[in-house]
Amino acid sequence: MALSKTAKIMILSAAGICLLMLIIGLIVINFVIEFEKSAAYATGIAAGCLLTAVKIVMLEKAINTSLDMGTKIKAGATGTLLFAMRFALTGAVLFVAFRFPAVLGRFGTIFGIISMQLSAYTSNFILMKIQPDNFDNLNDLSGDYDEKDEDDDDGDEGEDRENEEEEENI
């Protein structure tokens, strides 16, 4: 399965954010306050960053799988299952980090996991700079969108069409 441009940018920006958090964290640990051992912090960042990359790939697979399904019920059930799998994976990594803090640093793991959210914002910014044409018409609702009165549920569509035609003629 080939990853989309958005997923690739998200993974690369997450790696960059993790690297930045690693550098800042190691500076703080060595010169300001030692909140974790340096090695545990570094392995925690690496584990969190790896988890982030896996979750991005799983998220793209979930989106593509749900979009390829025929019915909303199947797509919703599949999306929910894949969300639960990503959630359980995150829980497992956090469990290991909090159970064995000498191996995986707690703060490093949490910072690595948070990099996914930060990379989503960063990749959106990068994509807006790379492809500004795709973001110019976000509010354009042309296409198959059918504008209906959402509060008009009286079942008299024929009368509604006549009213619309009268409004267009005016």
Protein backbone atom coordinates (compact mmCIF):
# COMPACT_ATOMS: atom_id res chain seq x y z
CA MET A 1 0.00 0.00 0.00
CA ALA A 2 1.45 3.33 -1.05
CA LEU A 3 1.10 6.17 1.40
CA SER A 4 -0.47 9.44 0.36
CA LYS A 5 1.46 12.68 0.27
CA THR A 6 -0.33 13.85 3.42
CA ALA A 7 0.65 10.73 5.38
CA LYS A 8 4.27 10.99 4.24
CA ILE A 9 4.43 14.65 5.27
CA MET A 10 2.81 13.82 8.61
CA ILE A 11 5.36 11.08 9.31
CA LEU A 12 8.28 13.30 8.33
CA SER A 13 7.01 16.22 10.39
CA ALA A 14 6.41 13.90 13.37
CA ALA A 15 9.99 12.68 13.06
CA GLY A 16 11.21 16.28 12.94
CA ILE A 17 9.12 17.22 15.96
CA CYS A 18 10.42 14.17 17.86
CA LEU A 19 13.99 15.13 16.99
CA LEU A 20 13.37 18.66 18.22
CA MET A 21 11.78 17.34 21.44
CA LEU A 22 14.73 14.98 21.89
CA ILE A 23 17.27 17.79 21.58
CA ILE A 24 15.36 20.16 23.86
CA GLY A 25 14.68 17.39 26.38
CA LEU A 26 18.30 16.29 26.53
CA ILE A 27 19.44 19.89 27.02
CA VAL A 28 16.93 20.32 29.86
CA ILE A 29 17.85 16.97 31.42
CA ASN A 30 21.58 17.64 31.31
CA PHE A 31 21.66 21.34 32.22
CA VAL A 32 18.46 22.34 34.01
CA ILE A 33 16.64 19.55 35.82
CA GLU A 34 16.98 15.79 35.56
CA PHE A 35 13.38 14.62 35.35
CA GLU A 36 14.39 11.34 33.63
CA LYS A 37 17.56 9.55 32.70
CA SER A 38 18.85 10.61 29.29
CA ALA A 39 18.79 7.10 27.81
CA ALA A 40 15.25 6.40 29.04
CA TYR A 41 14.06 9.74 27.67
CA ALA A 42 15.64 9.04 24.28
CA THR A 43 14.14 5.54 24.04
CA GLY A 44 10.77 6.95 25.12
CA ILE A 45 10.89 9.56 22.36
CA ALA A 46 11.88 6.86 19.86
CA ALA A 47 9.04 4.58 20.98
CA GLY A 48 6.51 7.43 20.87
CA CYS A 49 7.70 8.53 17.44
CA LEU A 50 7.57 4.98 16.11
CA LEU A 51 4.07 4.58 17.54
CA THR A 52 3.06 7.84 15.87
CA ALA A 53 4.29 6.61 12.49
CA VAL A 54 2.44 3.30 12.90
CA LYS A 55 -0.74 5.11 13.93
CA ILE A 56 -0.55 7.42 10.90
CA VAL A 57 -0.24 4.42 8.57
CA MET A 58 -3.09 2.66 10.39
CA LEU A 59 -5.22 5.81 10.18
CA GLU A 60 -4.70 6.09 6.43
CA LYS A 61 -5.54 2.41 6.01
CA ALA A 62 -8.70 2.90 8.08
CA ILE A 63 -9.79 5.87 6.00
CA ASN A 64 -9.15 4.08 2.70
CA THR A 65 -10.88 0.92 3.90
CA SER A 66 -13.92 2.83 5.13
CA LEU A 67 -14.21 4.81 1.91
CA ASP A 68 -14.01 1.65 -0.20
CA MET A 69 -16.86 -0.05 1.69
CA GLY A 70 -20.30 -0.07 0.19
CA THR A 71 -22.50 0.75 3.16
CA LYS A 72 -22.25 3.26 5.96
CA ILE A 73 -22.88 0.60 8.58
CA LYS A 74 -19.93 -1.53 7.47
CA ALA A 75 -17.68 1.50 7.12
CA GLY A 76 -18.65 2.78 10.56
CA ALA A 77 -18.06 -0.58 12.19
CA THR A 78 -14.71 -1.00 10.48
CA GLY A 79 -13.65 2.54 11.38
CA THR A 80 -14.61 1.96 15.00
CA LEU A 81 -12.68 -1.30 15.14
CA LEU A 82 -9.55 0.24 13.64
CA PHE A 83 -9.86 3.19 16.05
CA ALA A 84 -10.02 0.76 18.96
CA MET A 85 -6.90 -0.99 17.64
CA ARG A 86 -4.98 2.33 17.49
CA PHE A 87 -6.22 3.21 20.96
CA ALA A 88 -5.17 -0.19 22.36
CA LEU A 89 -1.75 0.14 20.75
CA THR A 90 -1.28 3.53 22.37
CA GLY A 91 -2.41 2.10 25.70
CA ALA A 92 0.05 -0.79 25.41
CA VAL A 93 2.99 1.53 24.76
CA LEU A 94 1.97 3.80 27.64
CA PHE A 95 1.58 0.78 29.91
CA VAL A 96 5.12 -0.36 29.11
CA ALA A 97 6.43 3.18 29.64
CA PHE A 98 4.78 3.54 33.05
CA ARG A 99 5.53 -0.03 34.13
CA PHE A 100 9.21 0.09 33.14
CA PRO A 101 10.27 3.76 33.38
CA ALA A 102 13.98 2.88 33.38
CA VAL A 103 13.62 1.46 29.86
CA LEU A 104 11.06 3.79 28.28
CA GLY A 105 10.97 7.24 29.78
CA ARG A 106 7.48 8.40 30.67
CA PHE A 107 7.91 11.97 29.48
CA GLY A 108 9.74 10.90 26.34
CA THR A 109 6.98 8.46 25.41
CA ILE A 110 4.25 11.01 26.03
CA PHE A 111 6.11 13.67 24.03
CA GLY A 112 6.59 11.20 21.19
CA ILE A 113 2.88 10.36 21.17
CA ILE A 114 1.91 14.04 21.25
CA SER A 115 4.01 14.56 18.12
CA MET A 116 1.16 13.04 16.09
CA GLN A 117 -1.17 15.89 16.91
CA LEU A 118 1.53 18.46 16.31
CA SER A 119 2.45 16.84 13.00
CA ALA A 120 -1.18 17.04 11.85
CA TYR A 121 -1.10 20.83 12.25
CA THR A 122 2.38 21.08 10.76
CA SER A 123 1.54 18.95 7.73
CA ASN A 124 -1.59 21.01 7.09
CA PHE A 125 0.56 24.16 7.09
CA ILE A 126 3.12 22.52 4.79
CA LEU A 127 0.44 21.28 2.39
CA MET A 128 -1.12 24.75 2.26
CA LYS A 129 2.28 26.13 1.22
CA ILE A 130 2.97 23.37 -1.32
CA GLN A 131 -0.52 23.21 -2.87
CA PRO A 132 -2.31 26.51 -2.21
CA ASP A 133 -4.82 25.88 -5.02
CA ASN A 134 -6.34 22.94 -3.15
CA PHE A 135 -7.13 25.13 -0.14
CA ASP A 136 -8.54 28.19 -1.90
CA ASN A 137 -12.06 26.85 -2.40
CA LEU A 138 -12.69 24.98 0.84
CA ASN A 139 -16.11 26.56 1.24
CA ASP A 140 -17.16 25.74 -2.33
CA LEU A 141 -20.11 23.38 -2.03
CA SER A 142 -20.55 22.68 -5.72
CA GLY A 143 -20.95 19.17 -7.00
CA ASP A 144 -23.46 16.61 -5.84
CA TYR A 145 -24.51 18.63 -2.84
CA ASP A 146 -28.27 19.14 -2.85
CA GLU A 147 -29.38 22.21 -0.97
CA LYS A 148 -32.61 21.48 0.86
CA ASP A 149 -34.34 23.17 3.70
CA GLU A 150 -33.33 21.01 6.61
CA ASP A 151 -36.27 22.19 8.68
CA ASP A 152 -38.81 21.54 5.90
CA ASP A 153 -40.01 17.99 6.45
CA ASP A 154 -43.64 18.37 5.47
CA GLY A 155 -43.34 16.08 2.43
CA ASP A 156 -44.60 18.56 -0.17
CA GLU A 157 -41.60 18.72 -2.48
CA GLY A 158 -43.75 19.70 -5.46
CA GLU A 159 -44.93 22.84 -3.70
CA ASP A 160 -41.37 23.59 -2.60
CA ARG A 161 -40.14 23.35 -6.23
CA GLU A 162 -42.91 25.76 -7.34
CA ASN A 163 -41.84 28.22 -4.63
CA GLU A 164 -38.21 27.95 -5.74
CA GLU A 165 -39.17 28.56 -9.38
CA GLU A 166 -41.18 31.62 -8.35
CA GLU A 167 -38.24 32.97 -6.38
CA GLU A 168 -35.93 32.47 -9.38
CA ASN A 169 -38.35 34.33 -11.67
CA ILE A 170 -38.47 37.33 -9.35
